[in-house]
């Protein structure tokens, strides 16, 4: 059994917010991808998403919402984190 080591980081400004989810295994990536696909479908806004390599063999999936006037993305991010059992976010 592998240990889940998904780290989350949240950033926001007026009408913009971003959730970054760092992972190190294909299993973690699949869990993230499944949660993101399920939860972003609940929001009318379409997020901008991209993946980048970071240090020590880890990668990060970044989810950004622009022009989020009604702050819908916060609810989506909360649901993603709950689905992934992430209890704290930087």
PDB file of N, CA and C in Angstrom:
ATOM      1  N   UNK A   1       0.839  -1.170   0.000  1.00  0.00           N
ATOM      2  CA  UNK A   1       0.000   0.000   0.000  1.00  0.00           C
ATOM      3  C   UNK A   1       0.889   1.239   0.000  1.00  0.00           C
ATOM      4  N   UNK A   2       0.600   2.178  -0.878  1.00  0.00           N
ATOM      5  CA  UNK A   2       1.407   3.385  -0.940  1.00  0.00           C
ATOM      6  C   UNK A   2       0.822   4.469  -0.038  1.00  0.00           C
ATOM      7  N   UNK A   3       1.679   5.347   0.412  1.00  0.00           N
ATOM      8  CA  UNK A   3       1.269   6.453   1.256  1.00  0.00           C
ATOM      9  C   UNK A   3       0.943   7.640   0.355  1.00  0.00           C
ATOM     10  N   UNK A   4      -0.213   8.242   0.562  1.00  0.00           N
ATOM     11  CA  UNK A   4      -0.625   9.392  -0.238  1.00  0.00           C
ATOM     12  C   UNK A   4       0.147  10.621   0.229  1.00  0.00           C
ATOM     13  N   UNK A   5       0.799  11.269  -0.696  1.00  0.00           N
ATOM     14  CA  UNK A   5       1.566  12.457  -0.342  1.00  0.00           C
ATOM     15  C   UNK A   5       1.210  13.617  -1.260  1.00  0.00           C
ATOM     16  N   UNK A   6      -0.076  13.810  -1.480  1.00  0.00           N
ATOM     17  CA  UNK A   6      -0.533  14.921  -2.306  1.00  0.00           C
ATOM     18  C   UNK A   6      -0.518  16.181  -1.455  1.00  0.00           C
ATOM     19  N   UNK A   7       0.159  17.205  -1.948  1.00  0.00           N
ATOM     20  CA  UNK A   7       0.223  18.492  -1.269  1.00  0.00           C
ATOM     21  C   UNK A   7      -0.609  19.498  -2.044  1.00  0.00           C
ATOM     22  N   UNK A   8      -1.289  20.374  -1.324  1.00  0.00           N
ATOM     23  CA  UNK A   8      -2.137  21.376  -1.958  1.00  0.00           C
ATOM     24  C   UNK A   8      -1.675  22.775  -1.592  1.00  0.00           C
ATOM     25  N   UNK A   9      -1.789  23.670  -2.570  1.00  0.00           N
ATOM     26  CA  UNK A   9      -1.486  25.079  -2.353  1.00  0.00           C
ATOM     27  C   UNK A   9      -2.570  25.899  -3.039  1.00  0.00           C
ATOM     28  N   UNK A  10      -3.100  26.884  -2.332  1.00  0.00           N
ATOM     29  CA  UNK A  10      -4.191  27.714  -2.848  1.00  0.00           C
ATOM     30  C   UNK A  10      -3.737  29.163  -2.900  1.00  0.00           C
ATOM     31  N   UNK A  11      -4.082  29.836  -3.989  1.00  0.00           N
ATOM     32  CA  UNK A  11      -3.805  31.265  -4.149  1.00  0.00           C
ATOM     33  C   UNK A  11      -5.038  31.920  -4.751  1.00  0.00           C
ATOM     34  N   UNK A  12      -5.328  33.161  -4.310  1.00  0.00           N
ATOM     35  CA  UNK A  12      -6.488  33.856  -4.855  1.00  0.00           C
ATOM     36  C   UNK A  12      -6.265  35.364  -4.864  1.00  0.00           C
ATOM     37  N   UNK A  13      -6.864  35.978  -5.836  1.00  0.00           N
ATOM     38  CA  UNK A  13      -6.945  37.422  -5.953  1.00  0.00           C
ATOM     39  C   UNK A  13      -8.363  37.723  -6.415  1.00  0.00           C
ATOM     40  N   UNK A  14      -8.664  38.958  -6.607  1.00  0.00           N
ATOM     41  CA  UNK A  14     -10.010  39.317  -7.050  1.00  0.00           C
ATOM     42  C   UNK A  14     -10.340  38.629  -8.381  1.00  0.00           C
ATOM     43  N   UNK A  15     -11.399  37.833  -8.397  1.00  0.00           N
ATOM     44  CA  UNK A  15     -11.924  37.119  -9.570  1.00  0.00           C
ATOM     45  C   UNK A  15     -10.973  36.059 -10.133  1.00  0.00           C
ATOM     46  N   UNK A  16      -9.915  35.710  -9.413  1.00  0.00           N
ATOM     47  CA  UNK A  16      -8.957  34.700  -9.867  1.00  0.00           C
ATOM     48  C   UNK A  16      -8.600  33.813  -8.685  1.00  0.00           C
ATOM     49  N   UNK A  17      -8.515  32.516  -8.928  1.00  0.00           N
ATOM     50  CA  UNK A  17      -8.001  31.622  -7.897  1.00  0.00           C
ATOM     51  C   UNK A  17      -7.348  30.408  -8.545  1.00  0.00           C
ATOM     52  N   UNK A  18      -6.442  29.813  -7.771  1.00  0.00           N
ATOM     53  CA  UNK A  18      -5.638  28.705  -8.288  1.00  0.00           C
ATOM     54  C   UNK A  18      -5.430  27.684  -7.194  1.00  0.00           C
ATOM     55  N   UNK A  19      -5.579  26.417  -7.562  1.00  0.00           N
ATOM     56  CA  UNK A  19      -5.261  25.306  -6.665  1.00  0.00           C
ATOM     57  C   UNK A  19      -4.190  24.477  -7.348  1.00  0.00           C
ATOM     58  N   UNK A  20      -3.078  24.274  -6.656  1.00  0.00           N
ATOM     59  CA  UNK A  20      -1.982  23.444  -7.160  1.00  0.00           C
ATOM     60  C   UNK A  20      -1.924  22.174  -6.329  1.00  0.00           C
ATOM     61  N   UNK A  21      -1.893  21.040  -7.008  1.00  0.00           N
ATOM     62  CA  UNK A  21      -1.857  19.736  -6.336  1.00  0.00           C
ATOM     63  C   UNK A  21      -0.591  19.000  -6.768  1.00  0.00           C
ATOM     64  N   UNK A  22       0.349  18.850  -5.843  1.00  0.00           N
ATOM     65  CA  UNK A  22       1.625  18.200  -6.129  1.00  0.00           C
ATOM     66  C   UNK A  22       1.533  16.722  -5.779  1.00  0.00           C
ATOM     67  N   UNK A  23       2.108  15.903  -6.647  1.00  0.00           N
ATOM     68  CA  UNK A  23       2.038  14.447  -6.473  1.00  0.00           C
ATOM     69  C   UNK A  23       3.328  13.808  -6.971  1.00  0.00           C
ATOM     70  N   UNK A  24       3.532  12.528  -6.597  1.00  0.00           N
ATOM     71  CA  UNK A  24       4.776  11.869  -6.994  1.00  0.00           C
ATOM     72  C   UNK A  24       4.576  10.505  -7.644  1.00  0.00           C
ATOM     73  N   UNK A  25       3.339  10.048  -7.764  1.00  0.00           N
ATOM     74  CA  UNK A  25       3.135   8.730  -8.366  1.00  0.00           C
ATOM     75  C   UNK A  25       1.978   8.764  -9.361  1.00  0.00           C
ATOM     76  N   UNK A  26       1.944   7.763 -10.220  1.00  0.00           N
ATOM     77  CA  UNK A  26       0.844   7.639 -11.176  1.00  0.00           C
ATOM     78  C   UNK A  26      -0.481   7.416 -10.453  1.00  0.00           C
ATOM     79  N   UNK A  27      -0.446   6.689  -9.345  1.00  0.00           N
ATOM     80  CA  UNK A  27      -1.654   6.442  -8.553  1.00  0.00           C
ATOM     81  C   UNK A  27      -2.223   7.762  -8.010  1.00  0.00           C
ATOM     82  N   UNK A  28      -1.349   8.607  -7.477  1.00  0.00           N
ATOM     83  CA  UNK A  28      -1.789   9.899  -6.972  1.00  0.00           C
ATOM     84  C   UNK A  28      -2.327  10.767  -8.104  1.00  0.00           C
ATOM     85  N   UNK A  29      -1.655  10.741  -9.242  1.00  0.00           N
ATOM     86  CA  UNK A  29      -2.126  11.513 -10.396  1.00  0.00           C
ATOM     87  C   UNK A  29      -3.532  11.073 -10.799  1.00  0.00           C
ATOM     88  N   UNK A  30      -3.780   9.773 -10.820  1.00  0.00           N
ATOM     89  CA  UNK A  30      -5.093   9.267 -11.216  1.00  0.00           C
ATOM     90  C   UNK A  30      -6.165   9.703 -10.224  1.00  0.00           C
ATOM     91  N   UNK A  31      -5.849   9.653  -8.921  1.00  0.00           N
ATOM     92  CA  UNK A  31      -6.798  10.105  -7.903  1.00  0.00           C
ATOM     93  C   UNK A  31      -7.129  11.582  -8.088  1.00  0.00           C
ATOM     94  N   UNK A  32      -6.101  12.385  -8.326  1.00  0.00           N
ATOM     95  CA  UNK A  32      -6.302  13.819  -8.549  1.00  0.00           C
ATOM     96  C   UNK A  32      -7.148  14.035  -9.793  1.00  0.00           C
ATOM     97  N   UNK A  33      -6.779  13.389 -10.867  1.00  0.00           N
ATOM     98  CA  UNK A  33      -7.479  13.560 -12.136  1.00  0.00           C
ATOM     99  C   UNK A  33      -8.960  13.182 -12.003  1.00  0.00           C
ATOM    100  N   UNK A  34      -9.250  12.072 -11.342  1.00  0.00           N
ATOM    101  CA  UNK A  34     -10.636  11.634 -11.141  1.00  0.00           C
ATOM    102  C   UNK A  34     -11.426  12.666 -10.334  1.00  0.00           C
ATOM    103  N   UNK A  35     -10.828  13.158  -9.241  1.00  0.00           N
ATOM    104  CA  UNK A  35     -11.504  14.138  -8.388  1.00  0.00           C
ATOM    105  C   UNK A  35     -11.740  15.449  -9.138  1.00  0.00           C
ATOM    106  N   UNK A  36     -10.737  15.900  -9.868  1.00  0.00           N
ATOM    107  CA  UNK A  36     -10.859  17.157 -10.615  1.00  0.00           C
ATOM    108  C   UNK A  36     -11.928  17.032 -11.696  1.00  0.00           C
ATOM    109  N   UNK A  37     -11.918  15.942 -12.414  1.00  0.00           N
ATOM    110  CA  UNK A  37     -12.905  15.737 -13.480  1.00  0.00           C
ATOM    111  C   UNK A  37     -14.323  15.737 -12.905  1.00  0.00           C
ATOM    112  N   UNK A  38     -14.514  15.045 -11.799  1.00  0.00           N
ATOM    113  CA  UNK A  38     -15.841  14.960 -11.188  1.00  0.00           C
ATOM    114  C   UNK A  38     -16.308  16.305 -10.641  1.00  0.00           C
ATOM    115  N   UNK A  39     -15.444  17.013  -9.935  1.00  0.00           N
ATOM    116  CA  UNK A  39     -15.856  18.231  -9.240  1.00  0.00           C
ATOM    117  C   UNK A  39     -15.926  19.453 -10.158  1.00  0.00           C
ATOM    118  N   UNK A  40     -15.066  19.555 -11.152  1.00  0.00           N
ATOM    119  CA  UNK A  40     -15.148  20.706 -12.056  1.00  0.00           C
ATOM    120  C   UNK A  40     -16.394  20.641 -12.927  1.00  0.00           C
ATOM    121  N   UNK A  41     -16.948  19.458 -13.102  1.00  0.00           N
ATOM    122  CA  UNK A  41     -18.183  19.324 -13.878  1.00  0.00           C
ATOM    123  C   UNK A  41     -19.370  19.967 -13.152  1.00  0.00           C
ATOM    124  N   UNK A  42     -19.250  20.210 -11.861  1.00  0.00           N
ATOM    125  CA  UNK A  42     -20.325  20.797 -11.071  1.00  0.00           C
ATOM    126  C   UNK A  42     -20.385  22.321 -11.184  1.00  0.00           C
ATOM    127  N   UNK A  43     -19.418  22.917 -11.861  1.00  0.00           N
ATOM    128  CA  UNK A  43     -19.307  24.371 -11.971  1.00  0.00           C
ATOM    129  C   UNK A  43     -19.491  24.790 -13.427  1.00  0.00           C
ATOM    130  N   UNK A  44     -20.176  25.891 -13.640  1.00  0.00           N
ATOM    131  CA  UNK A  44     -20.393  26.388 -15.000  1.00  0.00           C
ATOM    132  C   UNK A  44     -19.125  26.957 -15.631  1.00  0.00           C
ATOM    133  N   UNK A  45     -18.197  27.412 -14.815  1.00  0.00           N
ATOM    134  CA  UNK A  45     -16.946  27.964 -15.332  1.00  0.00           C
ATOM    135  C   UNK A  45     -16.009  26.848 -15.781  1.00  0.00           C
ATOM    136  N   UNK A  46     -15.253  27.109 -16.827  1.00  0.00           N
ATOM    137  CA  UNK A  46     -14.267  26.139 -17.304  1.00  0.00           C
ATOM    138  C   UNK A  46     -12.892  26.543 -16.782  1.00  0.00           C
ATOM    139  N   UNK A  47     -12.226  25.639 -16.057  1.00  0.00           N
ATOM    140  CA  UNK A  47     -10.910  25.994 -15.523  1.00  0.00           C
ATOM    141  C   UNK A  47      -9.811  25.857 -16.576  1.00  0.00           C
ATOM    142  N   UNK A  48      -8.742  26.580 -16.352  1.00  0.00           N
ATOM    143  CA  UNK A  48      -7.511  26.397 -17.119  1.00  0.00           C
ATOM    144  C   UNK A  48      -6.669  25.435 -16.292  1.00  0.00           C
ATOM    145  N   UNK A  49      -6.181  24.358 -16.917  1.00  0.00           N
ATOM    146  CA  UNK A  49      -5.401  23.359 -16.178  1.00  0.00           C
ATOM    147  C   UNK A  49      -4.128  23.035 -16.937  1.00  0.00           C
ATOM    148  N   UNK A  50      -3.068  22.813 -16.177  1.00  0.00           N
ATOM    149  CA  UNK A  50      -1.810  22.378 -16.772  1.00  0.00           C
ATOM    150  C   UNK A  50      -1.006  21.603 -15.733  1.00  0.00           C
ATOM    151  N   UNK A  51      -0.082  20.802 -16.227  1.00  0.00           N
ATOM    152  CA  UNK A  51       0.783  19.998 -15.378  1.00  0.00           C
ATOM    153  C   UNK A  51       2.229  20.414 -15.610  1.00  0.00           C
ATOM    154  N   UNK A  52       2.998  20.478 -14.544  1.00  0.00           N
ATOM    155  CA  UNK A  52       4.416  20.837 -14.633  1.00  0.00           C
ATOM    156  C   UNK A  52       5.245  19.899 -13.769  1.00  0.00           C
ATOM    157  N   UNK A  53       6.486  19.716 -14.155  1.00  0.00           N
ATOM    158  CA  UNK A  53       7.442  18.969 -13.337  1.00  0.00           C
ATOM    159  C   UNK A  53       7.993  19.904 -12.272  1.00  0.00           C
ATOM    160  N   UNK A  54       8.150  19.362 -11.056  1.00  0.00           N
ATOM    161  CA  UNK A  54       8.804  20.116  -9.990  1.00  0.00           C
ATOM    162  C   UNK A  54       9.929  19.261  -9.439  1.00  0.00           C
ATOM    163  N   UNK A  55      10.569  19.667  -8.395  1.00  0.00           N
ATOM    164  CA  UNK A  55      11.757  19.001  -7.858  1.00  0.00           C
ATOM    165  C   UNK A  55      11.484  17.603  -7.316  1.00  0.00           C
ATOM    166  N   UNK A  56      12.536  16.819  -7.240  1.00  0.00           N
ATOM    167  CA  UNK A  56      12.544  15.500  -6.598  1.00  0.00           C
ATOM    168  C   UNK A  56      11.556  14.514  -7.212  1.00  0.00           C
ATOM    169  N   UNK A  57      11.388  14.542  -8.527  1.00  0.00           N
ATOM    170  CA  UNK A  57      10.532  13.591  -9.215  1.00  0.00           C
ATOM    171  C   UNK A  57       9.043  13.826  -9.031  1.00  0.00           C
ATOM    172  N   UNK A  58       8.696  14.972  -8.521  1.00  0.00           N
ATOM    173  CA  UNK A  58       7.281  15.298  -8.303  1.00  0.00           C
ATOM    174  C   UNK A  58       6.757  16.142  -9.459  1.00  0.00           C
ATOM    175  N   UNK A  59       5.440  16.118  -9.605  1.00  0.00           N
ATOM    176  CA  UNK A  59       4.750  16.916 -10.606  1.00  0.00           C
ATOM    177  C   UNK A  59       3.645  17.683  -9.909  1.00  0.00           C
ATOM    178  N   UNK A  60       3.084  18.658 -10.601  1.00  0.00           N
ATOM    179  CA  UNK A  60       1.999  19.440 -10.027  1.00  0.00           C
ATOM    180  C   UNK A  60       0.933  19.676 -11.092  1.00  0.00           C
ATOM    181  N   UNK A  61      -0.314  19.475 -10.705  1.00  0.00           N
ATOM    182  CA  UNK A  61      -1.453  19.822 -11.547  1.00  0.00           C
ATOM    183  C   UNK A  61      -1.991  21.138 -11.011  1.00  0.00           C
ATOM    184  N   UNK A  62      -2.096  22.128 -11.890  1.00  0.00           N
ATOM    185  CA  UNK A  62      -2.570  23.453 -11.505  1.00  0.00           C
ATOM    186  C   UNK A  62      -3.941  23.678 -12.133  1.00  0.00           C
ATOM    187  N   UNK A  63      -4.885  24.117 -11.314  1.00  0.00           N
ATOM    188  CA  UNK A  63      -6.243  24.409 -11.755  1.00  0.00           C
ATOM    189  C   UNK A  63      -6.483  25.891 -11.481  1.00  0.00           C
ATOM    190  N   UNK A  64      -6.772  26.659 -12.525  1.00  0.00           N
ATOM    191  CA  UNK A  64      -6.996  28.097 -12.376  1.00  0.00           C
ATOM    192  C   UNK A  64      -8.372  28.485 -12.895  1.00  0.00           C
ATOM    193  N   UNK A  65      -9.012  29.372 -12.171  1.00  0.00           N
ATOM    194  CA  UNK A  65     -10.266  29.967 -12.620  1.00  0.00           C
ATOM    195  C   UNK A  65     -10.051  31.466 -12.770  1.00  0.00           C
ATOM    196  N   UNK A  66     -10.427  32.001 -13.912  1.00  0.00           N
ATOM    197  CA  UNK A  66     -10.347  33.432 -14.186  1.00  0.00           C
ATOM    198  C   UNK A  66     -11.773  33.978 -14.281  1.00  0.00           C
ATOM    199  N   UNK A  67     -11.952  35.235 -13.972  1.00  0.00           N
ATOM    200  CA  UNK A  67     -13.271  35.887 -14.029  1.00  0.00           C
ATOM    201  C   UNK A  67     -14.313  35.152 -13.197  1.00  0.00           C
ATOM    202  N   UNK A  68     -13.934  34.736 -12.024  1.00  0.00           N
ATOM    203  CA  UNK A  68     -14.822  34.015 -11.118  1.00  0.00           C
ATOM    204  C   UNK A  68     -15.562  35.029 -10.240  1.00  0.00           C
ATOM    205  N   UNK A  69     -16.505  35.733 -10.842  1.00  0.00           N
ATOM    206  CA  UNK A  69     -17.232  36.794 -10.143  1.00  0.00           C
ATOM    207  C   UNK A  69     -18.039  36.282  -8.958  1.00  0.00           C
ATOM    208  N   UNK A  70     -18.585  35.100  -9.056  1.00  0.00           N
ATOM    209  CA  UNK A  70     -19.430  34.554  -7.996  1.00  0.00           C
ATOM    210  C   UNK A  70     -18.699  33.605  -7.058  1.00  0.00           C
ATOM    211  N   UNK A  71     -17.400  33.529  -7.202  1.00  0.00           N
ATOM    212  CA  UNK A  71     -16.544  32.693  -6.343  1.00  0.00           C
ATOM    213  C   UNK A  71     -16.974  31.230  -6.319  1.00  0.00           C
ATOM    214  N   UNK A  72     -17.359  30.722  -7.457  1.00  0.00           N
ATOM    215  CA  UNK A  72     -17.758  29.320  -7.579  1.00  0.00           C
ATOM    216  C   UNK A  72     -16.576  28.377  -7.388  1.00  0.00           C
ATOM    217  N   UNK A  73     -15.398  28.806  -7.795  1.00  0.00           N
ATOM    218  CA  UNK A  73     -14.224  27.938  -7.756  1.00  0.00           C
ATOM    219  C   UNK A  73     -13.877  27.484  -6.343  1.00  0.00           C
ATOM    220  N   UNK A  74     -14.099  28.336  -5.369  1.00  0.00           N
ATOM    221  CA  UNK A  74     -13.802  27.955  -3.988  1.00  0.00           C
ATOM    222  C   UNK A  74     -14.549  26.696  -3.569  1.00  0.00           C
ATOM    223  N   UNK A  75     -15.801  26.603  -3.967  1.00  0.00           N
ATOM    224  CA  UNK A  75     -16.599  25.416  -3.650  1.00  0.00           C
ATOM    225  C   UNK A  75     -16.045  24.187  -4.370  1.00  0.00           C
ATOM    226  N   UNK A  76     -15.631  24.377  -5.618  1.00  0.00           N
ATOM    227  CA  UNK A  76     -15.045  23.275  -6.389  1.00  0.00           C
ATOM    228  C   UNK A  76     -13.758  22.809  -5.716  1.00  0.00           C
ATOM    229  N   UNK A  77     -12.903  23.751  -5.333  1.00  0.00           N
ATOM    230  CA  UNK A  77     -11.638  23.400  -4.690  1.00  0.00           C
ATOM    231  C   UNK A  77     -11.882  22.684  -3.363  1.00  0.00           C
ATOM    232  N   UNK A  78     -12.855  23.150  -2.586  1.00  0.00           N
ATOM    233  CA  UNK A  78     -13.184  22.478  -1.320  1.00  0.00           C
ATOM    234  C   UNK A  78     -13.597  21.025  -1.566  1.00  0.00           C
ATOM    235  N   UNK A  79     -14.413  20.811  -2.577  1.00  0.00           N
ATOM    236  CA  UNK A  79     -14.870  19.453  -2.889  1.00  0.00           C
ATOM    237  C   UNK A  79     -13.725  18.567  -3.371  1.00  0.00           C
ATOM    238  N   UNK A  80     -12.831  19.132  -4.172  1.00  0.00           N
ATOM    239  CA  UNK A  80     -11.667  18.363  -4.641  1.00  0.00           C
ATOM    240  C   UNK A  80     -10.825  17.935  -3.445  1.00  0.00           C
ATOM    241  N   UNK A  81     -10.538  18.874  -2.552  1.00  0.00           N
ATOM    242  CA  UNK A  81      -9.708  18.561  -1.392  1.00  0.00           C
ATOM    243  C   UNK A  81     -10.384  17.538  -0.486  1.00  0.00           C
ATOM    244  N   UNK A  82     -11.695  17.664  -0.305  1.00  0.00           N
ATOM    245  CA  UNK A  82     -12.412  16.695   0.527  1.00  0.00           C
ATOM    246  C   UNK A  82     -12.344  15.307  -0.102  1.00  0.00           C
ATOM    247  N   UNK A  83     -12.547  15.221  -1.406  1.00  0.00           N
ATOM    248  CA  UNK A  83     -12.505  13.935  -2.108  1.00  0.00           C
ATOM    249  C   UNK A  83     -11.123  13.289  -1.988  1.00  0.00           C
ATOM    250  N   UNK A  84     -10.083  14.110  -1.978  1.00  0.00           N
ATOM    251  CA  UNK A  84      -8.700  13.606  -1.882  1.00  0.00           C
ATOM    252  C   UNK A  84      -8.226  13.460  -0.433  1.00  0.00           C
ATOM    253  N   UNK A  85      -9.103  13.738   0.529  1.00  0.00           N
ATOM    254  CA  UNK A  85      -8.762  13.659   1.962  1.00  0.00           C
ATOM    255  C   UNK A  85      -7.608  14.574   2.327  1.00  0.00           C
ATOM    256  N   UNK A  86      -7.564  15.737   1.721  1.00  0.00           N
ATOM    257  CA  UNK A  86      -6.556  16.748   2.059  1.00  0.00           C
ATOM    258  C   UNK A  86      -7.172  17.642   3.120  1.00  0.00           C
ATOM    259  N   UNK A  87      -6.536  17.703   4.284  1.00  0.00           N
ATOM    260  CA  UNK A  87      -7.105  18.447   5.403  1.00  0.00           C
ATOM    261  C   UNK A  87      -6.474  19.810   5.612  1.00  0.00           C
ATOM    262  N   UNK A  88      -5.326  20.069   4.971  1.00  0.00           N
ATOM    263  CA  UNK A  88      -4.709  21.388   5.103  1.00  0.00           C
ATOM    264  C   UNK A  88      -4.121  21.800   3.761  1.00  0.00           C
ATOM    265  N   UNK A  89      -4.030  23.099   3.597  1.00  0.00           N
ATOM    266  CA  UNK A  89      -3.584  23.656   2.327  1.00  0.00           C
ATOM    267  C   UNK A  89      -2.704  24.842   2.619  1.00  0.00           C
ATOM    268  N   UNK A  90      -1.582  24.974   1.910  1.00  0.00           N
ATOM    269  CA  UNK A  90      -0.682  26.132   2.095  1.00  0.00           C
ATOM    270  C   UNK A  90      -1.216  27.331   1.356  1.00  0.00           C
TER     271      UNK A  90
END
